[in-house]
Amino acid sequence: MAGNSKRTLIPGAGPLSRVPAPAAFLVVLALFGLGVWLGGAVGALLLGVLAAGVAVLLATTWPLLTPGARVLRLLVLGVLVLIAVSVL
């Protein structure tokens, strides 16, 4: 496996390993829902915070992702940014 930059993520090895998955899902859902519901500058700010978090996670895991996974995650980030801009 030497020289192979692609490896699977080991459960419990990352900085978010102590965050329960349902809690992370609810935080993301709350940020997105409030951002869309509130709209305006506040909504765009909440969606921007969410987009920044997604971008950090994407940058951190980039070397481990397959090209297909990279494209899908970039697409999700792009859609999130477009929604943030549209609520302004």
C-alpha atoms as a PDB file:
ATOM      1  CA  MET A   1       0.000   0.000   0.000  1.00  0.00           C
ATOM      2  CA  ALA A   2       3.062   2.238   0.021  1.00  0.00           C
ATOM      3  CA  GLY A   3       2.758   5.145  -2.373  1.00  0.00           C
ATOM      4  CA  ASN A   4      -1.013   4.826  -2.625  1.00  0.00           C
ATOM      5  CA  SER A   5      -2.542   8.165  -1.658  1.00  0.00           C
ATOM      6  CA  LYS A   6      -6.054   6.711  -1.721  1.00  0.00           C
ATOM      7  CA  ARG A   7      -6.979   4.841   1.418  1.00  0.00           C
ATOM      8  CA  THR A   8     -10.202   4.253   3.240  1.00  0.00           C
ATOM      9  CA  LEU A   9     -11.136   6.413   6.168  1.00  0.00           C
ATOM     10  CA  ILE A  10     -10.936   4.522   9.419  1.00  0.00           C
ATOM     11  CA  PRO A  11     -14.021   5.023  11.600  1.00  0.00           C
ATOM     12  CA  GLY A  12     -13.072   6.839  14.767  1.00  0.00           C
ATOM     13  CA  ALA A  13      -9.788   8.203  13.412  1.00  0.00           C
ATOM     14  CA  GLY A  14     -10.846  11.761  12.530  1.00  0.00           C
ATOM     15  CA  PRO A  15     -11.469  14.905  14.541  1.00  0.00           C
ATOM     16  CA  LEU A  16     -15.240  14.499  14.205  1.00  0.00           C
ATOM     17  CA  SER A  17     -15.194  10.935  15.499  1.00  0.00           C
ATOM     18  CA  ARG A  18     -16.710  11.914  18.842  1.00  0.00           C
ATOM     19  CA  VAL A  19     -19.641  13.747  17.254  1.00  0.00           C
ATOM     20  CA  PRO A  20     -22.689  11.478  16.960  1.00  0.00           C
ATOM     21  CA  ALA A  21     -23.887  11.206  13.362  1.00  0.00           C
ATOM     22  CA  PRO A  22     -27.507  12.152  14.226  1.00  0.00           C
ATOM     23  CA  ALA A  23     -26.288  15.308  15.970  1.00  0.00           C
ATOM     24  CA  ALA A  24     -24.181  16.346  12.966  1.00  0.00           C
ATOM     25  CA  PHE A  25     -27.128  15.669  10.644  1.00  0.00           C
ATOM     26  CA  LEU A  26     -29.473  17.763  12.802  1.00  0.00           C
ATOM     27  CA  VAL A  27     -27.013  20.678  12.931  1.00  0.00           C
ATOM     28  CA  VAL A  28     -26.641  20.647   9.139  1.00  0.00           C
ATOM     29  CA  LEU A  29     -30.398  20.346   8.691  1.00  0.00           C
ATOM     30  CA  ALA A  30     -31.036  23.213  11.131  1.00  0.00           C
ATOM     31  CA  LEU A  31     -28.478  25.510   9.477  1.00  0.00           C
ATOM     32  CA  PHE A  32     -29.853  24.798   6.020  1.00  0.00           C
ATOM     33  CA  GLY A  33     -33.502  25.087   7.066  1.00  0.00           C
ATOM     34  CA  LEU A  34     -33.002  28.314   8.988  1.00  0.00           C
ATOM     35  CA  GLY A  35     -30.896  29.790   6.214  1.00  0.00           C
ATOM     36  CA  VAL A  36     -33.555  29.135   3.582  1.00  0.00           C
ATOM     37  CA  TRP A  37     -36.458  30.078   5.854  1.00  0.00           C
ATOM     38  CA  LEU A  38     -34.960  33.339   7.156  1.00  0.00           C
ATOM     39  CA  GLY A  39     -33.547  34.459   3.829  1.00  0.00           C
ATOM     40  CA  GLY A  40     -31.838  37.800   3.397  1.00  0.00           C
ATOM     41  CA  ALA A  41     -28.402  38.504   4.799  1.00  0.00           C
ATOM     42  CA  VAL A  42     -28.907  36.341   7.891  1.00  0.00           C
ATOM     43  CA  GLY A  43     -30.001  33.344   5.833  1.00  0.00           C
ATOM     44  CA  ALA A  44     -27.123  33.808   3.410  1.00  0.00           C
ATOM     45  CA  LEU A  45     -24.723  34.023   6.358  1.00  0.00           C
ATOM     46  CA  LEU A  46     -26.026  30.749   7.833  1.00  0.00           C
ATOM     47  CA  LEU A  47     -25.772  29.032   4.460  1.00  0.00           C
ATOM     48  CA  GLY A  48     -22.291  30.505   4.019  1.00  0.00           C
ATOM     49  CA  VAL A  49     -21.215  29.003   7.342  1.00  0.00           C
ATOM     50  CA  LEU A  50     -22.550  25.658   6.184  1.00  0.00           C
ATOM     51  CA  ALA A  51     -20.765  25.998   2.824  1.00  0.00           C
ATOM     52  CA  ALA A  52     -17.504  26.872   4.591  1.00  0.00           C
ATOM     53  CA  GLY A  53     -17.813  23.728   6.718  1.00  0.00           C
ATOM     54  CA  VAL A  54     -18.458  21.612   3.645  1.00  0.00           C
ATOM     55  CA  ALA A  55     -15.459  23.203   1.906  1.00  0.00           C
ATOM     56  CA  VAL A  56     -13.177  22.468   4.872  1.00  0.00           C
ATOM     57  CA  LEU A  57     -14.313  18.849   5.006  1.00  0.00           C
ATOM     58  CA  LEU A  58     -13.857  18.532   1.245  1.00  0.00           C
ATOM     59  CA  ALA A  59     -10.351  20.011   1.363  1.00  0.00           C
ATOM     60  CA  THR A  60      -9.391  17.733   4.243  1.00  0.00           C
ATOM     61  CA  THR A  61     -10.594  14.539   2.591  1.00  0.00           C
ATOM     62  CA  TRP A  62      -9.657  15.444  -1.011  1.00  0.00           C
ATOM     63  CA  PRO A  63      -6.629  13.100  -1.309  1.00  0.00           C
ATOM     64  CA  LEU A  64      -8.695  10.159  -0.071  1.00  0.00           C
ATOM     65  CA  LEU A  65     -11.639  10.614  -2.433  1.00  0.00           C
ATOM     66  CA  THR A  66     -12.165   8.941  -5.779  1.00  0.00           C
ATOM     67  CA  PRO A  67     -12.700  11.247  -8.766  1.00  0.00           C
ATOM     68  CA  GLY A  68     -16.429  10.462  -8.787  1.00  0.00           C
ATOM     69  CA  ALA A  69     -16.796  11.327  -5.115  1.00  0.00           C
ATOM     70  CA  ARG A  70     -14.892  14.576  -5.693  1.00  0.00           C
ATOM     71  CA  VAL A  71     -17.249  15.612  -8.488  1.00  0.00           C
ATOM     72  CA  LEU A  72     -20.360  14.881  -6.422  1.00  0.00           C
ATOM     73  CA  ARG A  73     -19.064  16.770  -3.401  1.00  0.00           C
ATOM     74  CA  LEU A  74     -18.049  19.736  -5.528  1.00  0.00           C
ATOM     75  CA  LEU A  75     -21.531  19.683  -7.027  1.00  0.00           C
ATOM     76  CA  VAL A  76     -23.124  19.726  -3.564  1.00  0.00           C
ATOM     77  CA  LEU A  77     -20.877  22.628  -2.538  1.00  0.00           C
ATOM     78  CA  GLY A  78     -21.741  24.533  -5.723  1.00  0.00           C
ATOM     79  CA  VAL A  79     -25.482  24.051  -5.223  1.00  0.00           C
ATOM     80  CA  LEU A  80     -25.170  25.190  -1.610  1.00  0.00           C
ATOM     81  CA  VAL A  81     -23.342  28.343  -2.674  1.00  0.00           C
ATOM     82  CA  LEU A  82     -25.965  29.036  -5.355  1.00  0.00           C
ATOM     83  CA  ILE A  83     -28.753  28.676  -2.793  1.00  0.00           C
ATOM     84  CA  ALA A  84     -26.887  31.014  -0.416  1.00  0.00           C
ATOM     85  CA  VAL A  85     -26.593  33.641  -3.147  1.00  0.00           C
ATOM     86  CA  SER A  86     -30.228  33.221  -4.174  1.00  0.00           C
ATOM     87  CA  VAL A  87     -31.592  33.940  -0.683  1.00  0.00           C
ATOM     88  CA  LEU A  88     -29.972  37.373  -0.612  1.00  0.00           C
END
